[in-house]
PDB file of N, CA and C in Angstrom:
ATOM      1  N   UNK A   1     -38.462  -3.356  13.608  1.00  0.00           N
ATOM      2  CA  UNK A   1     -37.090  -3.065  13.376  1.00  0.00           C
ATOM      3  C   UNK A   1     -36.248  -2.855  14.712  1.00  0.00           C
ATOM      4  N   UNK A   2     -35.153  -3.450  14.768  1.00  0.00           N
ATOM      5  CA  UNK A   2     -34.326  -3.278  15.974  1.00  0.00           C
ATOM      6  C   UNK A   2     -33.424  -2.104  15.667  1.00  0.00           C
ATOM      7  N   UNK A   3     -33.118  -1.367  16.906  1.00  0.00           N
ATOM      8  CA  UNK A   3     -32.116  -0.329  16.819  1.00  0.00           C
ATOM      9  C   UNK A   3     -30.647  -0.865  16.574  1.00  0.00           C
ATOM     10  N   UNK A   4     -30.000   0.061  15.838  1.00  0.00           N
ATOM     11  CA  UNK A   4     -28.594  -0.437  15.450  1.00  0.00           C
ATOM     12  C   UNK A   4     -27.569   0.338  16.493  1.00  0.00           C
ATOM     13  N   UNK A   5     -26.718  -0.403  16.973  1.00  0.00           N
ATOM     14  CA  UNK A   5     -25.744   0.208  17.852  1.00  0.00           C
ATOM     15  C   UNK A   5     -24.553   0.753  16.886  1.00  0.00           C
ATOM     16  N   UNK A   6     -24.575   2.075  16.800  1.00  0.00           N
ATOM     17  CA  UNK A   6     -23.541   2.720  15.916  1.00  0.00           C
ATOM     18  C   UNK A   6     -22.110   2.506  16.351  1.00  0.00           C
ATOM     19  N   UNK A   7     -21.914   2.173  17.698  1.00  0.00           N
ATOM     20  CA  UNK A   7     -20.457   2.046  18.078  1.00  0.00           C
ATOM     21  C   UNK A   7     -19.844   0.603  17.826  1.00  0.00           C
ATOM     22  N   UNK A   8     -20.673  -0.303  17.409  1.00  0.00           N
ATOM     23  CA  UNK A   8     -20.269  -1.711  17.251  1.00  0.00           C
ATOM     24  C   UNK A   8     -20.656  -1.991  15.756  1.00  0.00           C
ATOM     25  N   UNK A   9     -19.490  -1.964  14.869  1.00  0.00           N
ATOM     26  CA  UNK A   9     -19.781  -2.270  13.421  1.00  0.00           C
ATOM     27  C   UNK A   9     -20.196  -3.792  13.307  1.00  0.00           C
ATOM     28  N   UNK A  10     -21.105  -4.025  12.456  1.00  0.00           N
ATOM     29  CA  UNK A  10     -21.451  -5.400  12.147  1.00  0.00           C
ATOM     30  C   UNK A  10     -21.222  -5.576  10.655  1.00  0.00           C
ATOM     31  N   UNK A  11     -21.442  -6.898  10.189  1.00  0.00           N
ATOM     32  CA  UNK A  11     -21.148  -7.212   8.864  1.00  0.00           C
ATOM     33  C   UNK A  11     -22.072  -6.540   8.011  1.00  0.00           C
ATOM     34  N   UNK A  12     -23.335  -6.340   8.523  1.00  0.00           N
ATOM     35  CA  UNK A  12     -24.386  -5.749   7.539  1.00  0.00           C
ATOM     36  C   UNK A  12     -24.013  -4.248   7.387  1.00  0.00           C
ATOM     37  N   UNK A  13     -23.466  -3.586   8.350  1.00  0.00           N
ATOM     38  CA  UNK A  13     -23.100  -2.129   8.118  1.00  0.00           C
ATOM     39  C   UNK A  13     -21.784  -1.978   7.574  1.00  0.00           C
ATOM     40  N   UNK A  14     -20.702  -2.686   8.027  1.00  0.00           N
ATOM     41  CA  UNK A  14     -19.412  -2.540   7.639  1.00  0.00           C
ATOM     42  C   UNK A  14     -18.856  -3.809   7.062  1.00  0.00           C
ATOM     43  N   UNK A  15     -18.917  -3.888   5.700  1.00  0.00           N
ATOM     44  CA  UNK A  15     -18.459  -5.090   5.090  1.00  0.00           C
ATOM     45  C   UNK A  15     -17.034  -5.498   5.323  1.00  0.00           C
ATOM     46  N   UNK A  16     -16.171  -4.415   5.602  1.00  0.00           N
ATOM     47  CA  UNK A  16     -14.801  -4.701   5.853  1.00  0.00           C
ATOM     48  C   UNK A  16     -14.529  -5.175   7.271  1.00  0.00           C
ATOM     49  N   UNK A  17     -15.455  -5.218   8.120  1.00  0.00           N
ATOM     50  CA  UNK A  17     -15.434  -5.765   9.517  1.00  0.00           C
ATOM     51  C   UNK A  17     -14.930  -7.236   9.520  1.00  0.00           C
ATOM     52  N   UNK A  18     -15.428  -7.915   8.519  1.00  0.00           N
ATOM     53  CA  UNK A  18     -15.076  -9.447   8.494  1.00  0.00           C
ATOM     54  C   UNK A  18     -14.412  -9.696   7.128  1.00  0.00           C
ATOM     55  N   UNK A  19     -13.893  -8.732   6.586  1.00  0.00           N
ATOM     56  CA  UNK A  19     -13.153  -8.958   5.333  1.00  0.00           C
ATOM     57  C   UNK A  19     -11.919  -9.720   5.532  1.00  0.00           C
ATOM     58  N   UNK A  20     -11.593 -10.726   4.736  1.00  0.00           N
ATOM     59  CA  UNK A  20     -10.383 -11.314   4.742  1.00  0.00           C
ATOM     60  C   UNK A  20      -9.355 -10.952   3.730  1.00  0.00           C
ATOM     61  N   UNK A  21      -8.041 -10.967   3.864  1.00  0.00           N
ATOM     62  CA  UNK A  21      -7.172 -10.543   2.934  1.00  0.00           C
ATOM     63  C   UNK A  21      -7.358 -11.358   1.606  1.00  0.00           C
ATOM     64  N   UNK A  22      -7.205 -10.800   0.464  1.00  0.00           N
ATOM     65  CA  UNK A  22      -7.362 -11.511  -0.764  1.00  0.00           C
ATOM     66  C   UNK A  22      -5.984 -12.155  -1.053  1.00  0.00           C
ATOM     67  N   UNK A  23      -5.989 -13.129  -1.900  1.00  0.00           N
ATOM     68  CA  UNK A  23      -4.843 -13.707  -2.369  1.00  0.00           C
ATOM     69  C   UNK A  23      -4.030 -12.824  -3.284  1.00  0.00           C
ATOM     70  N   UNK A  24      -4.671 -11.897  -3.960  1.00  0.00           N
ATOM     71  CA  UNK A  24      -4.106 -10.933  -4.882  1.00  0.00           C
ATOM     72  C   UNK A  24      -2.913 -10.141  -4.146  1.00  0.00           C
ATOM     73  N   UNK A  25      -3.069  -9.780  -2.947  1.00  0.00           N
ATOM     74  CA  UNK A  25      -2.066  -8.966  -2.293  1.00  0.00           C
ATOM     75  C   UNK A  25      -0.945  -9.829  -2.127  1.00  0.00           C
ATOM     76  N   UNK A  26      -1.074 -11.189  -1.879  1.00  0.00           N
ATOM     77  CA  UNK A  26       0.054 -12.069  -1.572  1.00  0.00           C
ATOM     78  C   UNK A  26       0.824 -12.399  -2.817  1.00  0.00           C
ATOM     79  N   UNK A  27       0.230 -12.341  -3.950  1.00  0.00           N
ATOM     80  CA  UNK A  27       0.812 -12.721  -5.171  1.00  0.00           C
ATOM     81  C   UNK A  27       1.570 -11.584  -5.937  1.00  0.00           C
ATOM     82  N   UNK A  28       0.961 -10.406  -5.763  1.00  0.00           N
ATOM     83  CA  UNK A  28       1.757  -9.353  -6.637  1.00  0.00           C
ATOM     84  C   UNK A  28       3.073  -8.964  -6.026  1.00  0.00           C
ATOM     85  N   UNK A  29       4.004  -8.816  -6.798  1.00  0.00           N
ATOM     86  CA  UNK A  29       5.429  -8.495  -6.406  1.00  0.00           C
ATOM     87  C   UNK A  29       5.777  -7.116  -6.773  1.00  0.00           C
ATOM     88  N   UNK A  30       4.943  -6.378  -7.605  1.00  0.00           N
ATOM     89  CA  UNK A  30       5.298  -5.082  -8.002  1.00  0.00           C
ATOM     90  C   UNK A  30       3.829  -4.277  -7.856  1.00  0.00           C
ATOM     91  N   UNK A  31       4.005  -2.907  -7.590  1.00  0.00           N
ATOM     92  CA  UNK A  31       2.919  -2.013  -7.280  1.00  0.00           C
ATOM     93  C   UNK A  31       2.965  -0.869  -8.164  1.00  0.00           C
ATOM     94  N   UNK A  32       1.838  -0.282  -8.477  1.00  0.00           N
ATOM     95  CA  UNK A  32       1.886   1.033  -9.252  1.00  0.00           C
ATOM     96  C   UNK A  32       2.454   2.033  -8.152  1.00  0.00           C
ATOM     97  N   UNK A  33       2.788   3.247  -8.675  1.00  0.00           N
ATOM     98  CA  UNK A  33       3.302   4.345  -7.901  1.00  0.00           C
ATOM     99  C   UNK A  33       2.048   4.600  -6.930  1.00  0.00           C
ATOM    100  N   UNK A  34       0.952   4.727  -7.307  1.00  0.00           N
ATOM    101  CA  UNK A  34      -0.170   5.133  -6.546  1.00  0.00           C
ATOM    102  C   UNK A  34      -0.428   4.120  -5.465  1.00  0.00           C
ATOM    103  N   UNK A  35      -0.299   2.809  -5.720  1.00  0.00           N
ATOM    104  CA  UNK A  35      -0.554   1.728  -4.726  1.00  0.00           C
ATOM    105  C   UNK A  35       0.600   1.794  -3.761  1.00  0.00           C
ATOM    106  N   UNK A  36       1.793   2.024  -4.167  1.00  0.00           N
ATOM    107  CA  UNK A  36       2.915   2.069  -3.169  1.00  0.00           C
ATOM    108  C   UNK A  36       2.741   3.266  -2.302  1.00  0.00           C
ATOM    109  N   UNK A  37       2.225   4.368  -2.865  1.00  0.00           N
ATOM    110  CA  UNK A  37       1.918   5.487  -1.904  1.00  0.00           C
ATOM    111  C   UNK A  37       0.956   5.223  -0.966  1.00  0.00           C
ATOM    112  N   UNK A  38      -0.110   4.545  -1.359  1.00  0.00           N
ATOM    113  CA  UNK A  38      -1.231   4.136  -0.423  1.00  0.00           C
ATOM    114  C   UNK A  38      -0.609   3.337   0.706  1.00  0.00           C
ATOM    115  N   UNK A  39       0.205   2.340   0.335  1.00  0.00           N
ATOM    116  CA  UNK A  39       0.830   1.357   1.352  1.00  0.00           C
ATOM    117  C   UNK A  39       1.669   2.181   2.356  1.00  0.00           C
ATOM    118  N   UNK A  40       2.350   3.113   1.981  1.00  0.00           N
ATOM    119  CA  UNK A  40       3.172   3.951   2.738  1.00  0.00           C
ATOM    120  C   UNK A  40       2.383   4.973   3.461  1.00  0.00           C
ATOM    121  N   UNK A  41       1.180   5.295   3.034  1.00  0.00           N
ATOM    122  CA  UNK A  41       0.404   6.307   3.604  1.00  0.00           C
ATOM    123  C   UNK A  41       0.900   7.730   3.263  1.00  0.00           C
ATOM    124  N   UNK A  42       1.411   7.909   2.138  1.00  0.00           N
ATOM    125  CA  UNK A  42       1.938   9.255   1.684  1.00  0.00           C
ATOM    126  C   UNK A  42       1.083   9.606   0.377  1.00  0.00           C
ATOM    127  N   UNK A  43       1.144  10.735  -0.079  1.00  0.00           N
ATOM    128  CA  UNK A  43       0.601  11.170  -1.312  1.00  0.00           C
ATOM    129  C   UNK A  43       1.341  10.698  -2.559  1.00  0.00           C
ATOM    130  N   UNK A  44       0.550  10.695  -3.640  1.00  0.00           N
ATOM    131  CA  UNK A  44       1.108  10.442  -4.916  1.00  0.00           C
ATOM    132  C   UNK A  44       2.350  11.308  -5.313  1.00  0.00           C
ATOM    133  N   UNK A  45       2.153  12.594  -5.103  1.00  0.00           N
ATOM    134  CA  UNK A  45       3.276  13.435  -5.471  1.00  0.00           C
ATOM    135  C   UNK A  45       4.572  13.162  -4.722  1.00  0.00           C
ATOM    136  N   UNK A  46       4.433  12.920  -3.476  1.00  0.00           N
ATOM    137  CA  UNK A  46       5.600  12.505  -2.537  1.00  0.00           C
ATOM    138  C   UNK A  46       6.186  11.236  -3.069  1.00  0.00           C
ATOM    139  N   UNK A  47       5.373  10.209  -3.426  1.00  0.00           N
ATOM    140  CA  UNK A  47       5.842   8.979  -3.830  1.00  0.00           C
ATOM    141  C   UNK A  47       6.620   9.094  -5.112  1.00  0.00           C
ATOM    142  N   UNK A  48       6.061   9.912  -6.108  1.00  0.00           N
ATOM    143  CA  UNK A  48       6.866  10.209  -7.242  1.00  0.00           C
ATOM    144  C   UNK A  48       8.251  10.799  -6.968  1.00  0.00           C
ATOM    145  N   UNK A  49       8.241  11.816  -6.040  1.00  0.00           N
ATOM    146  CA  UNK A  49       9.603  12.368  -5.637  1.00  0.00           C
ATOM    147  C   UNK A  49      10.500  11.436  -5.078  1.00  0.00           C
ATOM    148  N   UNK A  50      10.022  10.600  -4.294  1.00  0.00           N
ATOM    149  CA  UNK A  50      10.893   9.511  -3.689  1.00  0.00           C
ATOM    150  C   UNK A  50      11.502   8.514  -4.717  1.00  0.00           C
ATOM    151  N   UNK A  51      10.619   8.232  -5.786  1.00  0.00           N
ATOM    152  CA  UNK A  51      11.158   7.340  -6.883  1.00  0.00           C
ATOM    153  C   UNK A  51      12.144   8.145  -7.840  1.00  0.00           C
ATOM    154  N   UNK A  52      11.841   9.372  -8.016  1.00  0.00           N
ATOM    155  CA  UNK A  52      12.657  10.268  -8.907  1.00  0.00           C
ATOM    156  C   UNK A  52      14.102  10.422  -8.194  1.00  0.00           C
ATOM    157  N   UNK A  53      14.009  10.647  -6.909  1.00  0.00           N
ATOM    158  CA  UNK A  53      15.251  10.797  -6.139  1.00  0.00           C
ATOM    159  C   UNK A  53      16.109   9.524  -5.938  1.00  0.00           C
ATOM    160  N   UNK A  54      15.414   8.454  -6.241  1.00  0.00           N
ATOM    161  CA  UNK A  54      16.091   7.105  -6.055  1.00  0.00           C
ATOM    162  C   UNK A  54      16.006   6.585  -4.568  1.00  0.00           C
ATOM    163  N   UNK A  55      15.341   7.273  -3.708  1.00  0.00           N
ATOM    164  CA  UNK A  55      15.132   6.837  -2.410  1.00  0.00           C
ATOM    165  C   UNK A  55      14.273   5.578  -2.317  1.00  0.00           C
ATOM    166  N   UNK A  56      13.362   5.392  -3.352  1.00  0.00           N
ATOM    167  CA  UNK A  56      12.658   4.121  -3.445  1.00  0.00           C
ATOM    168  C   UNK A  56      12.922   3.552  -4.815  1.00  0.00           C
ATOM    169  N   UNK A  57      13.314   2.342  -4.744  1.00  0.00           N
ATOM    170  CA  UNK A  57      13.739   1.642  -5.980  1.00  0.00           C
ATOM    171  C   UNK A  57      12.469   1.458  -6.929  1.00  0.00           C
ATOM    172  N   UNK A  58      12.689   1.704  -8.218  1.00  0.00           N
ATOM    173  CA  UNK A  58      11.411   1.377  -9.094  1.00  0.00           C
ATOM    174  C   UNK A  58      12.187   0.726 -10.326  1.00  0.00           C
ATOM    175  N   UNK A  59      11.173   0.046 -11.020  1.00  0.00           N
ATOM    176  CA  UNK A  59      11.568  -0.661 -12.283  1.00  0.00           C
ATOM    177  C   UNK A  59      10.617  -0.214 -13.352  1.00  0.00           C
ATOM    178  N   UNK A  60      11.171  -0.392 -14.681  1.00  0.00           N
ATOM    179  CA  UNK A  60      10.322  -0.140 -15.786  1.00  0.00           C
ATOM    180  C   UNK A  60       9.938  -1.459 -16.502  1.00  0.00           C
ATOM    181  N   UNK A  61       8.662  -1.651 -16.605  1.00  0.00           N
ATOM    182  CA  UNK A  61       8.218  -2.891 -17.441  1.00  0.00           C
ATOM    183  C   UNK A  61       7.530  -2.252 -18.665  1.00  0.00           C
ATOM    184  N   UNK A  62       8.183  -2.237 -19.795  1.00  0.00           N
ATOM    185  CA  UNK A  62       7.789  -1.491 -20.998  1.00  0.00           C
ATOM    186  C   UNK A  62       7.751  -0.003 -20.715  1.00  0.00           C
ATOM    187  N   UNK A  63       6.605   0.587 -20.807  1.00  0.00           N
ATOM    188  CA  UNK A  63       6.451   1.992 -20.564  1.00  0.00           C
ATOM    189  C   UNK A  63       5.934   2.262 -19.115  1.00  0.00           C
ATOM    190  N   UNK A  64       5.760   1.310 -18.396  1.00  0.00           N
ATOM    191  CA  UNK A  64       5.147   1.405 -17.038  1.00  0.00           C
ATOM    192  C   UNK A  64       6.282   1.484 -16.000  1.00  0.00           C
ATOM    193  N   UNK A  65       6.025   2.331 -15.067  1.00  0.00           N
ATOM    194  CA  UNK A  65       6.927   2.408 -13.818  1.00  0.00           C
ATOM    195  C   UNK A  65       6.181   1.515 -12.625  1.00  0.00           C
ATOM    196  N   UNK A  66       7.022   0.651 -12.078  1.00  0.00           N
ATOM    197  CA  UNK A  66       6.410  -0.154 -10.931  1.00  0.00           C
ATOM    198  C   UNK A  66       7.411  -0.223  -9.903  1.00  0.00           C
ATOM    199  N   UNK A  67       6.863  -0.416  -8.665  1.00  0.00           N
ATOM    200  CA  UNK A  67       7.605  -0.328  -7.394  1.00  0.00           C
ATOM    201  C   UNK A  67       7.577  -1.785  -6.904  1.00  0.00           C
ATOM    202  N   UNK A  68       8.794  -2.589  -6.686  1.00  0.00           N
ATOM    203  CA  UNK A  68       8.783  -3.851  -6.054  1.00  0.00           C
ATOM    204  C   UNK A  68       8.434  -3.718  -4.614  1.00  0.00           C
ATOM    205  N   UNK A  69       7.612  -4.634  -4.309  1.00  0.00           N
ATOM    206  CA  UNK A  69       7.051  -4.573  -2.878  1.00  0.00           C
ATOM    207  C   UNK A  69       8.212  -4.589  -1.815  1.00  0.00           C
ATOM    208  N   UNK A  70       9.251  -5.351  -2.175  1.00  0.00           N
ATOM    209  CA  UNK A  70      10.333  -5.270  -1.115  1.00  0.00           C
ATOM    210  C   UNK A  70      11.134  -3.931  -1.140  1.00  0.00           C
ATOM    211  N   UNK A  71      10.955  -3.156  -2.202  1.00  0.00           N
ATOM    212  CA  UNK A  71      11.609  -1.838  -2.244  1.00  0.00           C
ATOM    213  C   UNK A  71      10.985  -1.036  -1.114  1.00  0.00           C
ATOM    214  N   UNK A  72       9.701  -1.142  -0.822  1.00  0.00           N
ATOM    215  CA  UNK A  72       8.988  -0.416   0.239  1.00  0.00           C
ATOM    216  C   UNK A  72       9.608  -0.895   1.588  1.00  0.00           C
ATOM    217  N   UNK A  73       9.869  -2.097   1.777  1.00  0.00           N
ATOM    218  CA  UNK A  73      10.408  -2.610   3.071  1.00  0.00           C
ATOM    219  C   UNK A  73      11.780  -2.059   3.336  1.00  0.00           C
ATOM    220  N   UNK A  74      12.656  -2.037   2.074  1.00  0.00           N
ATOM    221  CA  UNK A  74      13.955  -1.493   2.243  1.00  0.00           C
ATOM    222  C   UNK A  74      13.903  -0.061   2.650  1.00  0.00           C
ATOM    223  N   UNK A  75      12.960   0.712   1.922  1.00  0.00           N
ATOM    224  CA  UNK A  75      12.918   2.141   2.206  1.00  0.00           C
ATOM    225  C   UNK A  75      12.667   2.483   3.700  1.00  0.00           C
ATOM    226  N   UNK A  76      11.629   1.632   4.188  1.00  0.00           N
ATOM    227  CA  UNK A  76      11.261   1.920   5.559  1.00  0.00           C
ATOM    228  C   UNK A  76      12.331   1.559   6.544  1.00  0.00           C
ATOM    229  N   UNK A  77      12.968   0.457   6.197  1.00  0.00           N
ATOM    230  CA  UNK A  77      14.130   0.032   7.046  1.00  0.00           C
ATOM    231  C   UNK A  77      15.305   1.076   7.026  1.00  0.00           C
ATOM    232  N   UNK A  78      15.538   1.722   5.960  1.00  0.00           N
ATOM    233  CA  UNK A  78      16.572   2.706   5.812  1.00  0.00           C
ATOM    234  C   UNK A  78      16.244   3.983   6.617  1.00  0.00           C
ATOM    235  N   UNK A  79      14.903   4.191   6.595  1.00  0.00           N
ATOM    236  CA  UNK A  79      14.416   5.345   7.581  1.00  0.00           C
ATOM    237  C   UNK A  79      14.641   5.107   9.038  1.00  0.00           C
ATOM    238  N   UNK A  80      14.411   3.748   9.345  1.00  0.00           N
ATOM    239  CA  UNK A  80      14.641   3.408  10.780  1.00  0.00           C
ATOM    240  C   UNK A  80      16.146   3.202  11.121  1.00  0.00           C
ATOM    241  N   UNK A  81      16.965   3.219  10.114  1.00  0.00           N
ATOM    242  CA  UNK A  81      18.489   3.083  10.370  1.00  0.00           C
ATOM    243  C   UNK A  81      18.814   1.514  10.473  1.00  0.00           C
ATOM    244  N   UNK A  82      17.996   0.679  10.040  1.00  0.00           N
ATOM    245  CA  UNK A  82      18.121  -0.726  10.069  1.00  0.00           C
ATOM    246  C   UNK A  82      19.073  -1.151   8.949  1.00  0.00           C
ATOM    247  N   UNK A  83      18.826  -0.567   7.754  1.00  0.00           N
ATOM    248  CA  UNK A  83      19.591  -1.088   6.619  1.00  0.00           C
ATOM    249  C   UNK A  83      20.921  -0.479   6.467  1.00  0.00           C
TER     250      UNK A  83
END
């Protein structure tokens, strides 16, 4: 057995090292509140607060609350003063 260099991830140890983006991320145009929070790197509670305050646009699909992906881009642009 050969020693493993712990500082150099390999595909055997780290399956994400060679992971390619899936087509699913390119196709979806709306996200759950939890998925939107993950993309922004914030917690779920803060994301709900942003949606409730209107800072991040959301839509209703039946009983479900969804965040359009472009709403996240618009929100970040507004924080940067671009929008």
